[in-house]
Amino acid sequence: MRYLIPTFPSDVHAVEVALVLEDRGHEAVLWHGSDFPTLHSASVDFQDGAMAWELTGLDLDGIRPPFDGVWYRRPTPPVL
């Protein structure tokens, strides 16, 4: 299973959860909301009645949904 974990760079708890998930054979993707939109970006594409979205940035290039679950832990607002 694939999990998206929106978090912030110094969140050691999110890193630990990601490591445990990976030890159990799952994929965990950490997404730092505080790095959006300066270091990370997101895009949505609508084509032929289908929607696709992509996260890009540090350690995220090539990461595309779908995700089986999201652990929405301590989200942070974007820094503008």
C-alpha atoms as a PDB file:
ATOM      1  CA  MET A   1       0.000   0.000   0.000  1.00  0.00           C
ATOM      2  CA  ARG A   2       1.066   3.615  -0.606  1.00  0.00           C
ATOM      3  CA  TYR A   3       0.648   6.313   2.012  1.00  0.00           C
ATOM      4  CA  LEU A   4       0.987  10.085   1.730  1.00  0.00           C
ATOM      5  CA  ILE A   5       2.083  11.856   4.921  1.00  0.00           C
ATOM      6  CA  PRO A   6       1.721  15.664   4.735  1.00  0.00           C
ATOM      7  CA  THR A   7       4.079  17.013   7.401  1.00  0.00           C
ATOM      8  CA  PHE A   8       6.909  19.492   8.037  1.00  0.00           C
ATOM      9  CA  PRO A   9      10.687  18.968   7.719  1.00  0.00           C
ATOM     10  CA  SER A  10      11.561  18.462  11.409  1.00  0.00           C
ATOM     11  CA  ASP A  11       8.657  16.125  12.279  1.00  0.00           C
ATOM     12  CA  VAL A  12      10.536  13.106  13.635  1.00  0.00           C
ATOM     13  CA  HIS A  13       7.278  11.296  14.390  1.00  0.00           C
ATOM     14  CA  ALA A  14       6.236  11.338  10.739  1.00  0.00           C
ATOM     15  CA  VAL A  15       9.667  10.037   9.719  1.00  0.00           C
ATOM     16  CA  GLU A  16       9.382   7.203  12.247  1.00  0.00           C
ATOM     17  CA  VAL A  17       5.908   6.259  10.991  1.00  0.00           C
ATOM     18  CA  ALA A  18       7.227   6.270   7.415  1.00  0.00           C
ATOM     19  CA  LEU A  19      10.109   3.976   8.416  1.00  0.00           C
ATOM     20  CA  VAL A  20       7.757   1.547  10.167  1.00  0.00           C
ATOM     21  CA  LEU A  21       5.436   1.487   7.160  1.00  0.00           C
ATOM     22  CA  GLU A  22       8.389   0.789   4.854  1.00  0.00           C
ATOM     23  CA  ASP A  23       9.639  -1.980   7.189  1.00  0.00           C
ATOM     24  CA  ARG A  24       6.213  -3.576   6.794  1.00  0.00           C
ATOM     25  CA  GLY A  25       6.442  -3.492   3.006  1.00  0.00           C
ATOM     26  CA  HIS A  26       4.482  -0.311   2.307  1.00  0.00           C
ATOM     27  CA  GLU A  27       5.527   2.881   0.543  1.00  0.00           C
ATOM     28  CA  ALA A  28       5.405   6.134   2.522  1.00  0.00           C
ATOM     29  CA  VAL A  29       5.755   9.547   0.885  1.00  0.00           C
ATOM     30  CA  LEU A  30       6.483  12.539   3.118  1.00  0.00           C
ATOM     31  CA  TRP A  31       5.196  15.827   1.713  1.00  0.00           C
ATOM     32  CA  HIS A  32       6.317  19.003   3.476  1.00  0.00           C
ATOM     33  CA  GLY A  33       3.444  21.468   3.219  1.00  0.00           C
ATOM     34  CA  SER A  34       5.647  24.230   4.591  1.00  0.00           C
ATOM     35  CA  ASP A  35       7.776  23.900   1.424  1.00  0.00           C
ATOM     36  CA  PHE A  36       4.770  24.665  -0.790  1.00  0.00           C
ATOM     37  CA  PRO A  37       4.917  26.620  -3.083  1.00  0.00           C
ATOM     38  CA  THR A  38       8.592  27.635  -2.719  1.00  0.00           C
ATOM     39  CA  LEU A  39      10.253  24.191  -2.960  1.00  0.00           C
ATOM     40  CA  HIS A  40       7.332  21.876  -3.789  1.00  0.00           C
ATOM     41  CA  SER A  41       4.545  22.177  -6.288  1.00  0.00           C
ATOM     42  CA  ALA A  42       1.399  20.313  -7.198  1.00  0.00           C
ATOM     43  CA  SER A  43      -0.402  20.113 -10.497  1.00  0.00           C
ATOM     44  CA  VAL A  44      -3.767  18.819 -11.637  1.00  0.00           C
ATOM     45  CA  ASP A  45      -4.491  17.775 -15.212  1.00  0.00           C
ATOM     46  CA  PHE A  46      -7.966  17.205 -16.632  1.00  0.00           C
ATOM     47  CA  GLN A  47      -7.976  15.325 -19.915  1.00  0.00           C
ATOM     48  CA  ASP A  48     -10.636  13.216 -21.655  1.00  0.00           C
ATOM     49  CA  GLY A  49     -12.843  13.160 -18.569  1.00  0.00           C
ATOM     50  CA  ALA A  50     -10.056  11.932 -16.292  1.00  0.00           C
ATOM     51  CA  MET A  51      -8.132  13.766 -13.610  1.00  0.00           C
ATOM     52  CA  ALA A  52      -4.469  13.257 -12.733  1.00  0.00           C
ATOM     53  CA  TRP A  53      -2.326  15.081 -10.192  1.00  0.00           C
ATOM     54  CA  GLU A  54       1.369  15.135  -9.409  1.00  0.00           C
ATOM     55  CA  LEU A  55       3.609  16.335  -6.579  1.00  0.00           C
ATOM     56  CA  THR A  56       7.053  17.668  -7.484  1.00  0.00           C
ATOM     57  CA  GLY A  57       9.931  19.041  -5.479  1.00  0.00           C
ATOM     58  CA  LEU A  58      12.702  17.811  -3.201  1.00  0.00           C
ATOM     59  CA  ASP A  59      12.552  13.986  -3.053  1.00  0.00           C
ATOM     60  CA  LEU A  60       9.149  14.001  -4.787  1.00  0.00           C
ATOM     61  CA  ASP A  61       9.858  13.974  -8.520  1.00  0.00           C
ATOM     62  CA  GLY A  62       7.999  11.147 -10.164  1.00  0.00           C
ATOM     63  CA  ILE A  63       5.650  10.621  -7.218  1.00  0.00           C
ATOM     64  CA  ARG A  64       2.121  10.342  -8.509  1.00  0.00           C
ATOM     65  CA  PRO A  65      -1.096   9.256  -6.876  1.00  0.00           C
ATOM     66  CA  PRO A  66      -3.051   7.133  -6.232  1.00  0.00           C
ATOM     67  CA  PHE A  67      -2.381   6.695  -2.548  1.00  0.00           C
ATOM     68  CA  ASP A  68      -4.186   4.095  -0.471  1.00  0.00           C
ATOM     69  CA  GLY A  69      -4.194   6.303   2.595  1.00  0.00           C
ATOM     70  CA  VAL A  70      -3.231   9.725   3.921  1.00  0.00           C
ATOM     71  CA  TRP A  71      -1.992  10.406   7.439  1.00  0.00           C
ATOM     72  CA  TYR A  72      -2.882  14.083   7.829  1.00  0.00           C
ATOM     73  CA  ARG A  73      -0.566  14.905  10.727  1.00  0.00           C
ATOM     74  CA  ARG A  74      -0.006  18.489  11.846  1.00  0.00           C
ATOM     75  CA  PRO A  75      -0.385  20.156   8.458  1.00  0.00           C
ATOM     76  CA  THR A  76       1.310  23.521   8.076  1.00  0.00           C
ATOM     77  CA  PRO A  77       0.179  26.502   6.017  1.00  0.00           C
ATOM     78  CA  PRO A  78       2.203  27.457   2.943  1.00  0.00           C
ATOM     79  CA  VAL A  79       4.932  30.069   3.300  1.00  0.00           C
ATOM     80  CA  LEU A  80       4.427  32.908   0.837  1.00  0.00           C
END
